[in-house]
Amino acid sequence: METTNAHTVTEVPNTHEMVVIHRGVRREARLLVELVAAVAPGDTARARFLAEHIRTYRLGLHNHHTGEDEHLWPLLLARVDLEADVVLRMEAQHDRVAETLRGVDEALPAWERTAGEAERDALTAVLCEHRTVLVEHLDEEEQSLLPLAARHLTGAEWNAMGEHFAASAPKTKLLFFLGMALEEADRAERRSMLAGLPFPARVLWHVIGRPAYARTVRTIRRPPR
């Protein structure tokens, strides 16, 4: 979900990249609810496929939030005074998001195994709860936290979150996560995000990553049979 600036360090952090990433996260959280709810009872093949996609989404979100926990909150808390409550509220919201993901973890195996109607509805309910809590957090983070980061962090400190994400995510998933972020980005946003990648990674995205992401998304979002 993040990109990492491996060859350029700017003094001012590009916090707008977080807005682009959040746009993809919001979309995927909404689609998970819709996709699971549309699965016909007994369609275990579809349930297994979507369960794997949910785990990929969960992994990306976990790594994104872990990067903030380790590289964003401590620096800001050390540098802000009256606005420390904003950072502490972000930390508390991360805990709430993590709690909803644990609910997803608990409901997912039964539905994946049986594709039962009751199991599907239970998973849909916890995914709805997750989305509500997540969107509340993302909205406030963009409104209240990103301006703090822009004032108090350097570009190198901000980029540490992207470096964390790239190091933590399975290499086989990185291009998919990049696609999630870029899917609804405009031309300027795409140019900015890709500029932060080393040249070989940009080539890999255009040659392999972009078409592979498009194929995967078509399968994930196919209409019910």
C-alpha atoms as a PDB file:
ATOM      1  CA  MET A   1       0.000   0.000   0.000  1.00  0.00           C
ATOM      2  CA  GLU A   2       2.957   2.298   0.456  1.00  0.00           C
ATOM      3  CA  THR A   3       5.693   3.108  -1.952  1.00  0.00           C
ATOM      4  CA  THR A   4       9.213   3.765  -0.797  1.00  0.00           C
ATOM      5  CA  ASN A   5      11.453   6.550  -2.048  1.00  0.00           C
ATOM      6  CA  ALA A   6      14.718   4.667  -2.471  1.00  0.00           C
ATOM      7  CA  HIS A   7      16.698   7.254  -4.436  1.00  0.00           C
ATOM      8  CA  THR A   8      15.443  10.686  -3.387  1.00  0.00           C
ATOM      9  CA  VAL A   9      15.006  12.165   0.078  1.00  0.00           C
ATOM     10  CA  THR A  10      12.891  15.296   0.206  1.00  0.00           C
ATOM     11  CA  GLU A  11      12.937  17.632   3.170  1.00  0.00           C
ATOM     12  CA  VAL A  12       9.153  18.026   3.240  1.00  0.00           C
ATOM     13  CA  PRO A  13       7.130  14.805   3.488  1.00  0.00           C
ATOM     14  CA  ASN A  14       4.692  14.034   0.714  1.00  0.00           C
ATOM     15  CA  THR A  15       1.741  13.314   2.975  1.00  0.00           C
ATOM     16  CA  HIS A  16      -0.708  13.257   0.072  1.00  0.00           C
ATOM     17  CA  GLU A  17       0.518   9.764  -0.775  1.00  0.00           C
ATOM     18  CA  MET A  18      -1.277   8.628   2.386  1.00  0.00           C
ATOM     19  CA  VAL A  19      -4.525  10.040   0.984  1.00  0.00           C
ATOM     20  CA  VAL A  20      -3.998   8.017  -2.192  1.00  0.00           C
ATOM     21  CA  ILE A  21      -3.332   4.848  -0.196  1.00  0.00           C
ATOM     22  CA  HIS A  22      -6.369   5.432   2.005  1.00  0.00           C
ATOM     23  CA  ARG A  23      -8.554   5.793  -1.074  1.00  0.00           C
ATOM     24  CA  GLY A  24      -7.655   2.253  -2.061  1.00  0.00           C
ATOM     25  CA  VAL A  25      -8.153   0.924   1.457  1.00  0.00           C
ATOM     26  CA  ARG A  26     -11.618   2.483   1.699  1.00  0.00           C
ATOM     27  CA  ARG A  27     -12.592   0.970  -1.643  1.00  0.00           C
ATOM     28  CA  GLU A  28     -11.398  -2.503  -0.733  1.00  0.00           C
ATOM     29  CA  ALA A  29     -13.099  -2.437   2.680  1.00  0.00           C
ATOM     30  CA  ARG A  30     -16.386  -1.540   0.974  1.00  0.00           C
ATOM     31  CA  LEU A  31     -15.976  -4.172  -1.729  1.00  0.00           C
ATOM     32  CA  LEU A  32     -15.218  -6.934   0.751  1.00  0.00           C
ATOM     33  CA  VAL A  33     -18.659  -6.473   2.285  1.00  0.00           C
ATOM     34  CA  GLU A  34     -20.362  -6.498  -1.108  1.00  0.00           C
ATOM     35  CA  LEU A  35     -18.395  -9.434  -2.499  1.00  0.00           C
ATOM     36  CA  VAL A  36     -18.920 -11.712   0.487  1.00  0.00           C
ATOM     37  CA  ALA A  37     -22.623 -10.858   0.709  1.00  0.00           C
ATOM     38  CA  ALA A  38     -23.048 -11.824  -2.956  1.00  0.00           C
ATOM     39  CA  VAL A  39     -21.633 -15.355  -2.612  1.00  0.00           C
ATOM     40  CA  ALA A  40     -24.311 -18.010  -3.050  1.00  0.00           C
ATOM     41  CA  PRO A  41     -24.684 -20.488  -0.177  1.00  0.00           C
ATOM     42  CA  GLY A  42     -22.621 -23.579  -0.878  1.00  0.00           C
ATOM     43  CA  ASP A  43     -20.197 -21.950  -3.341  1.00  0.00           C
ATOM     44  CA  THR A  44     -17.106 -23.091  -1.473  1.00  0.00           C
ATOM     45  CA  ALA A  45     -14.751 -22.401  -4.393  1.00  0.00           C
ATOM     46  CA  ARG A  46     -15.724 -18.732  -4.397  1.00  0.00           C
ATOM     47  CA  ALA A  47     -15.586 -18.590  -0.605  1.00  0.00           C
ATOM     48  CA  ARG A  48     -12.059 -19.988  -0.562  1.00  0.00           C
ATOM     49  CA  PHE A  49     -10.940 -17.531  -3.235  1.00  0.00           C
ATOM     50  CA  LEU A  50     -12.374 -14.504  -1.458  1.00  0.00           C
ATOM     51  CA  ALA A  51     -11.054 -15.711   1.898  1.00  0.00           C
ATOM     52  CA  GLU A  52      -7.547 -15.574   0.473  1.00  0.00           C
ATOM     53  CA  HIS A  53      -8.203 -12.069  -0.825  1.00  0.00           C
ATOM     54  CA  ILE A  54      -9.449 -11.002   2.611  1.00  0.00           C
ATOM     55  CA  ARG A  55      -6.224 -12.306   4.146  1.00  0.00           C
ATOM     56  CA  THR A  56      -4.197 -10.322   1.605  1.00  0.00           C
ATOM     57  CA  TYR A  57      -6.173  -7.170   2.430  1.00  0.00           C
ATOM     58  CA  ARG A  58      -5.704  -7.825   6.142  1.00  0.00           C
ATOM     59  CA  LEU A  59      -1.963  -8.285   5.717  1.00  0.00           C
ATOM     60  CA  GLY A  60      -1.612  -5.035   3.802  1.00  0.00           C
ATOM     61  CA  LEU A  61      -3.613  -3.051   6.333  1.00  0.00           C
ATOM     62  CA  HIS A  62      -1.726  -4.601   9.257  1.00  0.00           C
ATOM     63  CA  ASN A  63       1.647  -3.712   7.729  1.00  0.00           C
ATOM     64  CA  HIS A  64       0.435  -0.192   6.911  1.00  0.00           C
ATOM     65  CA  HIS A  65      -0.667   0.398  10.502  1.00  0.00           C
ATOM     66  CA  THR A  66       2.435  -1.229  11.972  1.00  0.00           C
ATOM     67  CA  GLY A  67       4.550   1.206   9.981  1.00  0.00           C
ATOM     68  CA  GLU A  68       2.637   4.093  11.540  1.00  0.00           C
ATOM     69  CA  ASP A  69       2.896   2.547  15.017  1.00  0.00           C
ATOM     70  CA  GLU A  70       6.672   2.212  14.744  1.00  0.00           C
ATOM     71  CA  HIS A  71       7.704   5.183  12.605  1.00  0.00           C
ATOM     72  CA  LEU A  72       5.021   7.865  12.935  1.00  0.00           C
ATOM     73  CA  TRP A  73       3.439   7.996  16.389  1.00  0.00           C
ATOM     74  CA  PRO A  74       6.679   7.949  18.468  1.00  0.00           C
ATOM     75  CA  LEU A  75       8.284  10.774  16.493  1.00  0.00           C
ATOM     76  CA  LEU A  76       5.184  12.931  16.605  1.00  0.00           C
ATOM     77  CA  LEU A  77       4.592  12.372  20.312  1.00  0.00           C
ATOM     78  CA  ALA A  78       8.153  13.519  20.967  1.00  0.00           C
ATOM     79  CA  ARG A  79       7.628  16.735  18.986  1.00  0.00           C
ATOM     80  CA  VAL A  80       4.084  17.916  19.596  1.00  0.00           C
ATOM     81  CA  ASP A  81       2.624  19.344  22.754  1.00  0.00           C
ATOM     82  CA  LEU A  82      -0.988  20.490  22.716  1.00  0.00           C
ATOM     83  CA  GLU A  83      -1.727  18.234  19.748  1.00  0.00           C
ATOM     84  CA  ALA A  84      -0.522  15.030  21.427  1.00  0.00           C
ATOM     85  CA  ASP A  85      -4.156  14.053  21.975  1.00  0.00           C
ATOM     86  CA  VAL A  86      -4.534  13.677  18.208  1.00  0.00           C
ATOM     87  CA  VAL A  87      -1.694  11.146  18.067  1.00  0.00           C
ATOM     88  CA  LEU A  88      -3.009   9.258  21.084  1.00  0.00           C
ATOM     89  CA  ARG A  89      -6.444   9.109  19.482  1.00  0.00           C
ATOM     90  CA  MET A  90      -4.910   7.649  16.317  1.00  0.00           C
ATOM     91  CA  GLU A  91      -3.218   4.955  18.405  1.00  0.00           C
ATOM     92  CA  ALA A  92      -6.497   4.105  20.115  1.00  0.00           C
ATOM     93  CA  GLN A  93      -8.249   3.909  16.756  1.00  0.00           C
ATOM     94  CA  HIS A  94      -5.597   1.479  15.513  1.00  0.00           C
ATOM     95  CA  ASP A  95      -6.487  -0.746  18.451  1.00  0.00           C
ATOM     96  CA  ARG A  96     -10.164  -0.606  17.499  1.00  0.00           C
ATOM     97  CA  VAL A  97      -9.400  -1.454  13.872  1.00  0.00           C
ATOM     98  CA  ALA A  98      -7.250  -4.371  15.019  1.00  0.00           C
ATOM     99  CA  GLU A  99     -10.114  -5.604  17.188  1.00  0.00           C
ATOM    100  CA  THR A 100     -12.476  -5.648  14.204  1.00  0.00           C
ATOM    101  CA  LEU A 101      -9.881  -7.578  12.204  1.00  0.00           C
ATOM    102  CA  ARG A 102      -9.733 -10.176  14.962  1.00  0.00           C
ATOM    103  CA  GLY A 103     -13.482 -10.516  14.521  1.00  0.00           C
ATOM    104  CA  VAL A 104     -12.926 -11.120  10.811  1.00  0.00           C
ATOM    105  CA  ASP A 105     -10.287 -13.725  11.650  1.00  0.00           C
ATOM    106  CA  GLU A 106     -12.758 -15.540  13.874  1.00  0.00           C
ATOM    107  CA  ALA A 107     -15.620 -15.541  11.370  1.00  0.00           C
ATOM    108  CA  LEU A 108     -13.617 -16.296   8.219  1.00  0.00           C
ATOM    109  CA  PRO A 109     -12.649 -20.002   8.619  1.00  0.00           C
ATOM    110  CA  ALA A 110     -16.207 -21.292   9.063  1.00  0.00           C
ATOM    111  CA  TRP A 111     -17.458 -19.455   5.985  1.00  0.00           C
ATOM    112  CA  GLU A 112     -14.412 -20.462   3.958  1.00  0.00           C
ATOM    113  CA  ARG A 113     -15.039 -24.106   4.851  1.00  0.00           C
ATOM    114  CA  THR A 114     -18.812 -24.280   4.346  1.00  0.00           C
ATOM    115  CA  ALA A 115     -19.929 -21.197   2.381  1.00  0.00           C
ATOM    116  CA  GLY A 116     -23.038 -21.451   4.531  1.00  0.00           C
ATOM    117  CA  GLU A 117     -25.616 -18.683   4.560  1.00  0.00           C
ATOM    118  CA  ALA A 118     -25.411 -18.108   8.326  1.00  0.00           C
ATOM    119  CA  GLU A 119     -21.605 -18.095   8.208  1.00  0.00           C
ATOM    120  CA  ARG A 120     -21.672 -15.681   5.273  1.00  0.00           C
ATOM    121  CA  ASP A 121     -23.990 -13.301   7.086  1.00  0.00           C
ATOM    122  CA  ALA A 122     -21.851 -13.434  10.228  1.00  0.00           C
ATOM    123  CA  LEU A 123     -18.726 -12.573   8.234  1.00  0.00           C
ATOM    124  CA  THR A 124     -20.540  -9.794   6.373  1.00  0.00           C
ATOM    125  CA  ALA A 125     -21.581  -8.264   9.692  1.00  0.00           C
ATOM    126  CA  VAL A 126     -18.043  -8.140  11.073  1.00  0.00           C
ATOM    127  CA  LEU A 127     -16.728  -6.782   7.775  1.00  0.00           C
ATOM    128  CA  CYS A 128     -19.335  -4.008   7.980  1.00  0.00           C
ATOM    129  CA  GLU A 129     -18.218  -3.196  11.509  1.00  0.00           C
ATOM    130  CA  HIS A 130     -14.593  -3.200  10.390  1.00  0.00           C
ATOM    131  CA  ARG A 131     -15.325  -0.805   7.542  1.00  0.00           C
ATOM    132  CA  THR A 132     -17.190   1.622   9.806  1.00  0.00           C
ATOM    133  CA  VAL A 133     -14.367   1.774  12.351  1.00  0.00           C
ATOM    134  CA  LEU A 134     -11.700   1.940   9.657  1.00  0.00           C
ATOM    135  CA  VAL A 135     -13.301   4.780   7.685  1.00  0.00           C
ATOM    136  CA  GLU A 136     -13.741   6.824  10.865  1.00  0.00           C
ATOM    137  CA  HIS A 137     -10.024   6.410  11.535  1.00  0.00           C
ATOM    138  CA  LEU A 138      -8.896   7.193   7.996  1.00  0.00           C
ATOM    139  CA  ASP A 139     -11.061  10.296   7.816  1.00  0.00           C
ATOM    140  CA  GLU A 140      -9.694  11.731  11.048  1.00  0.00           C
ATOM    141  CA  GLU A 141      -6.135  10.753  10.226  1.00  0.00           C
ATOM    142  CA  GLU A 142      -6.305  12.725   6.988  1.00  0.00           C
ATOM    143  CA  GLN A 143      -7.989  15.713   8.579  1.00  0.00           C
ATOM    144  CA  SER A 144      -6.016  15.995  11.829  1.00  0.00           C
ATOM    145  CA  LEU A 145      -2.872  13.866  11.696  1.00  0.00           C
ATOM    146  CA  LEU A 146      -1.410  14.491   8.250  1.00  0.00           C
ATOM    147  CA  PRO A 147      -1.042  18.270   8.829  1.00  0.00           C
ATOM    148  CA  LEU A 148       0.947  17.459  11.983  1.00  0.00           C
ATOM    149  CA  ALA A 149       3.192  15.094  10.075  1.00  0.00           C
ATOM    150  CA  ALA A 150       3.802  17.703   7.394  1.00  0.00           C
ATOM    151  CA  ARG A 151       4.918  20.221  10.017  1.00  0.00           C
ATOM    152  CA  HIS A 152       6.979  17.978  12.284  1.00  0.00           C
ATOM    153  CA  LEU A 153       8.577  15.248  10.132  1.00  0.00           C
ATOM    154  CA  THR A 154      11.268  15.281   7.483  1.00  0.00           C
ATOM    155  CA  GLY A 155      10.878  13.541   4.168  1.00  0.00           C
ATOM    156  CA  ALA A 156      13.291  10.806   5.237  1.00  0.00           C
ATOM    157  CA  GLU A 157      11.322  10.136   8.417  1.00  0.00           C
ATOM    158  CA  TRP A 158       8.081   9.961   6.484  1.00  0.00           C
ATOM    159  CA  ASN A 159       9.596   7.623   3.903  1.00  0.00           C
ATOM    160  CA  ALA A 160      10.563   5.185   6.664  1.00  0.00           C
ATOM    161  CA  MET A 161       6.952   3.971   6.717  1.00  0.00           C
ATOM    162  CA  GLY A 162       7.119   3.023   3.048  1.00  0.00           C
ATOM    163  CA  GLU A 163      10.445   1.289   3.597  1.00  0.00           C
ATOM    164  CA  HIS A 164       8.906  -0.650   6.480  1.00  0.00           C
ATOM    165  CA  PHE A 165       6.001  -1.730   4.314  1.00  0.00           C
ATOM    166  CA  ALA A 166       8.246  -2.877   1.476  1.00  0.00           C
ATOM    167  CA  ALA A 167      10.409  -4.870   3.882  1.00  0.00           C
ATOM    168  CA  SER A 168       7.467  -6.427   5.741  1.00  0.00           C
ATOM    169  CA  ALA A 169       5.162  -7.433   2.885  1.00  0.00           C
ATOM    170  CA  PRO A 170       5.779 -10.644   0.923  1.00  0.00           C
ATOM    171  CA  LYS A 171       7.560  -9.747  -2.301  1.00  0.00           C
ATOM    172  CA  THR A 172       4.862 -11.601  -4.257  1.00  0.00           C
ATOM    173  CA  LYS A 173       2.240  -9.201  -2.875  1.00  0.00           C
ATOM    174  CA  LEU A 174       4.013  -5.866  -3.323  1.00  0.00           C
ATOM    175  CA  LEU A 175       2.860  -5.221  -6.889  1.00  0.00           C
ATOM    176  CA  PHE A 176      -0.716  -6.070  -5.927  1.00  0.00           C
ATOM    177  CA  PHE A 177      -0.595  -3.598  -3.041  1.00  0.00           C
ATOM    178  CA  LEU A 178       0.820  -0.974  -5.382  1.00  0.00           C
ATOM    179  CA  GLY A 179      -2.089  -1.619  -7.734  1.00  0.00           C
ATOM    180  CA  MET A 180      -4.554  -1.141  -4.888  1.00  0.00           C
ATOM    181  CA  ALA A 181      -3.105   2.293  -4.216  1.00  0.00           C
ATOM    182  CA  LEU A 182      -2.869   3.365  -7.857  1.00  0.00           C
ATOM    183  CA  GLU A 183      -6.240   2.096  -9.086  1.00  0.00           C
ATOM    184  CA  GLU A 184      -8.144   5.334  -8.456  1.00  0.00           C
ATOM    185  CA  ALA A 185      -5.169   7.695  -8.497  1.00  0.00           C
ATOM    186  CA  ASP A 186      -5.182  10.483 -11.040  1.00  0.00           C
ATOM    187  CA  ARG A 187      -2.303  11.009 -13.463  1.00  0.00           C
ATOM    188  CA  ALA A 188      -0.359  13.357 -11.182  1.00  0.00           C
ATOM    189  CA  GLU A 189      -0.790  11.046  -8.189  1.00  0.00           C
ATOM    190  CA  ARG A 190       0.353   8.013 -10.174  1.00  0.00           C
ATOM    191  CA  ARG A 191       3.379   9.913 -11.442  1.00  0.00           C
ATOM    192  CA  SER A 192       4.287  11.005  -7.922  1.00  0.00           C
ATOM    193  CA  MET A 193       3.854   7.551  -6.384  1.00  0.00           C
ATOM    194  CA  LEU A 194       5.827   5.790  -9.094  1.00  0.00           C
ATOM    195  CA  ALA A 195       8.599   8.391  -9.002  1.00  0.00           C
ATOM    196  CA  GLY A 196       9.416   7.182  -5.506  1.00  0.00           C
ATOM    197  CA  LEU A 197      10.281   3.708  -6.813  1.00  0.00           C
ATOM    198  CA  PRO A 198      13.644   2.617  -8.185  1.00  0.00           C
ATOM    199  CA  PHE A 199      13.700   2.430 -11.985  1.00  0.00           C
ATOM    200  CA  PRO A 200      13.674  -1.417 -12.112  1.00  0.00           C
ATOM    201  CA  ALA A 201      10.598  -1.479  -9.887  1.00  0.00           C
ATOM    202  CA  ARG A 202       8.799   0.976 -12.168  1.00  0.00           C
ATOM    203  CA  VAL A 203       9.571  -1.197 -15.168  1.00  0.00           C
ATOM    204  CA  LEU A 204       8.366  -4.268 -13.278  1.00  0.00           C
ATOM    205  CA  TRP A 205       5.100  -2.515 -12.447  1.00  0.00           C
ATOM    206  CA  HIS A 206       4.387  -1.491 -16.036  1.00  0.00           C
ATOM    207  CA  VAL A 207       5.414  -4.800 -17.622  1.00  0.00           C
ATOM    208  CA  ILE A 208       4.166  -7.319 -15.060  1.00  0.00           C
ATOM    209  CA  GLY A 209       2.417  -5.672 -12.137  1.00  0.00           C
ATOM    210  CA  ARG A 210      -0.228  -3.578 -13.868  1.00  0.00           C
ATOM    211  CA  PRO A 211      -1.602  -6.313 -16.173  1.00  0.00           C
ATOM    212  CA  ALA A 212      -1.433  -8.906 -13.370  1.00  0.00           C
ATOM    213  CA  TYR A 213      -3.339  -6.590 -11.038  1.00  0.00           C
ATOM    214  CA  ALA A 214      -6.017  -5.997 -13.672  1.00  0.00           C
ATOM    215  CA  ARG A 215      -6.484  -9.746 -14.184  1.00  0.00           C
ATOM    216  CA  THR A 216      -6.683 -10.442 -10.470  1.00  0.00           C
ATOM    217  CA  VAL A 217      -9.186  -7.657  -9.865  1.00  0.00           C
ATOM    218  CA  ARG A 218     -11.448  -8.910 -12.650  1.00  0.00           C
ATOM    219  CA  THR A 219     -11.564 -12.314 -10.977  1.00  0.00           C
ATOM    220  CA  ILE A 220     -12.107 -10.897  -7.499  1.00  0.00           C
ATOM    221  CA  ARG A 221     -14.932  -8.616  -8.599  1.00  0.00           C
ATOM    222  CA  ARG A 222     -16.706 -10.859 -11.087  1.00  0.00           C
ATOM    223  CA  PRO A 223     -20.502 -10.723 -10.734  1.00  0.00           C
ATOM    224  CA  PRO A 224     -22.317 -13.634  -9.063  1.00  0.00           C
ATOM    225  CA  ARG A 225     -23.170 -16.522 -11.334  1.00  0.00           C
END
